[in-house]
């Protein structure tokens, strides 16, 4: 499963937080984040997946904690002028569900 996302490597997201765009590919045993930062995360290292709205002026986000790393992300409709992101709330919920299902499946295996 593949998602176009806006993401931030770090635990806290405020309206002023600079986000990057990229793609998240979910496979059976890992997550591949490609964008400015390329990152592979084994699903076995994921300790939590949360759906949240960190601030009233931000979109829904998924917070993924894997080891000592935290990634906050939202699914994207598109990006304008490099700095403006139009987020897809339904897509973010689908992203959360997909991550949660993979995390649960690995935990019960």
Protein backbone atom coordinates (compact mmCIF):
# COMPACT_ATOMS: atom_id res chain seq x y z
CA UNK A 1 0.00 0.00 0.00
CA UNK A 2 1.34 3.43 -0.91
CA UNK A 3 0.44 6.92 0.35
CA UNK A 4 1.49 10.43 -0.65
CA UNK A 5 2.23 12.16 2.67
CA UNK A 6 3.38 15.30 4.44
CA UNK A 7 5.65 14.34 7.32
CA UNK A 8 7.80 15.66 10.13
CA UNK A 9 10.53 13.67 11.83
CA UNK A 10 10.01 14.51 15.49
CA UNK A 11 7.40 14.29 18.20
CA UNK A 12 5.78 17.73 18.27
CA UNK A 13 3.92 19.43 15.44
CA UNK A 14 2.69 23.02 15.63
CA UNK A 15 1.07 25.12 12.87
CA UNK A 16 4.51 26.66 12.15
CA UNK A 17 6.30 23.30 11.87
CA UNK A 18 8.06 22.84 8.52
CA UNK A 19 6.77 19.66 6.88
CA UNK A 20 8.31 17.67 4.05
CA UNK A 21 6.46 15.70 1.39
CA UNK A 22 7.15 12.18 0.28
CA UNK A 23 5.70 8.71 -0.14
CA UNK A 24 5.12 6.04 2.46
CA UNK A 25 5.07 2.44 1.25
CA UNK A 26 3.69 -0.15 3.66
CA UNK A 27 4.85 -3.71 3.09
CA UNK A 28 4.31 -6.86 5.13
CA UNK A 29 7.29 -6.29 7.42
CA UNK A 30 8.50 -2.70 6.93
CA UNK A 31 7.67 0.90 6.10
CA UNK A 32 9.62 2.78 3.45
CA UNK A 33 9.55 6.57 3.66
CA UNK A 34 10.93 8.25 0.56
CA UNK A 35 11.26 12.00 0.28
CA UNK A 36 13.91 14.43 1.53
CA UNK A 37 14.82 11.77 4.08
CA UNK A 38 14.79 8.18 2.96
CA UNK A 39 14.02 5.87 5.84
CA UNK A 40 13.18 2.19 6.25
CA UNK A 41 11.40 1.21 9.46
CA UNK A 42 10.93 -2.44 10.39
CA UNK A 43 7.34 -2.94 11.59
CA UNK A 44 8.71 -4.96 14.49
CA UNK A 45 10.25 -1.75 15.90
CA UNK A 46 6.93 0.18 15.86
CA UNK A 47 5.74 0.68 19.43
CA UNK A 48 2.69 2.88 18.81
CA UNK A 49 0.45 4.32 16.10
CA UNK A 50 -1.89 7.19 17.08
CA UNK A 51 -4.44 9.29 15.20
CA UNK A 52 -4.49 12.84 16.54
CA UNK A 53 -5.07 16.51 15.86
CA UNK A 54 -2.05 18.13 17.52
CA UNK A 55 -3.44 21.66 17.29
CA UNK A 56 -6.82 23.17 16.30
CA UNK A 57 -5.16 24.78 13.26
CA UNK A 58 -3.66 21.54 11.93
CA UNK A 59 -5.08 18.59 10.05
CA UNK A 60 -5.52 15.09 11.42
CA UNK A 61 -2.16 13.37 11.74
CA UNK A 62 -0.77 9.94 12.43
CA UNK A 63 2.02 9.77 15.01
CA UNK A 64 4.19 6.68 14.61
CA UNK A 65 6.78 5.81 17.25
CA UNK A 66 9.47 3.31 16.26
CA UNK A 67 12.39 2.83 18.60
CA UNK A 68 13.66 6.30 19.47
CA UNK A 69 12.19 7.90 16.32
CA UNK A 70 8.83 9.65 16.01
CA UNK A 71 7.23 10.52 12.68
CA UNK A 72 4.11 12.66 12.34
CA UNK A 73 2.34 12.40 8.98
CA UNK A 74 -0.82 13.23 7.05
CA UNK A 75 -2.04 11.94 3.69
CA UNK A 76 -1.91 14.59 0.95
CA UNK A 77 -4.20 15.67 -1.84
CA UNK A 78 -1.46 17.91 -3.24
CA UNK A 79 1.26 20.44 -2.41
CA UNK A 80 1.24 24.06 -3.61
CA UNK A 81 4.21 26.40 -4.06
CA UNK A 82 6.49 24.20 -1.95
CA UNK A 83 5.07 25.21 1.43
CA UNK A 84 1.28 24.81 1.28
CA UNK A 85 -0.10 21.31 1.85
CA UNK A 86 -3.70 20.29 1.20
CA UNK A 87 -4.27 17.28 3.45
CA UNK A 88 -6.73 14.46 2.87
CA UNK A 89 -8.52 13.64 6.15
CA UNK A 90 -10.12 10.46 4.76
CA UNK A 91 -6.75 9.42 3.37
CA UNK A 92 -5.13 10.07 6.76
CA UNK A 93 -7.73 7.83 8.42
CA UNK A 94 -7.03 5.12 5.78
CA UNK A 95 -3.29 5.54 6.46
CA UNK A 96 -3.88 5.14 10.20
CA UNK A 97 -6.04 2.05 9.65
CA UNK A 98 -3.43 0.46 7.36
CA UNK A 99 -0.60 1.12 9.83
CA UNK A 100 -2.68 -0.06 12.78
CA UNK A 101 -3.67 -3.28 10.95
CA UNK A 102 -0.06 -4.07 9.99
CA UNK A 103 1.11 -3.31 13.55
CA UNK A 104 -1.60 -5.57 15.06
CA UNK A 105 -0.96 -8.37 12.56
CA UNK A 106 2.74 -8.38 13.42
CA UNK A 107 2.00 -8.29 17.17
CA UNK A 108 -0.28 -11.34 16.98
CA UNK A 109 2.04 -13.34 14.70
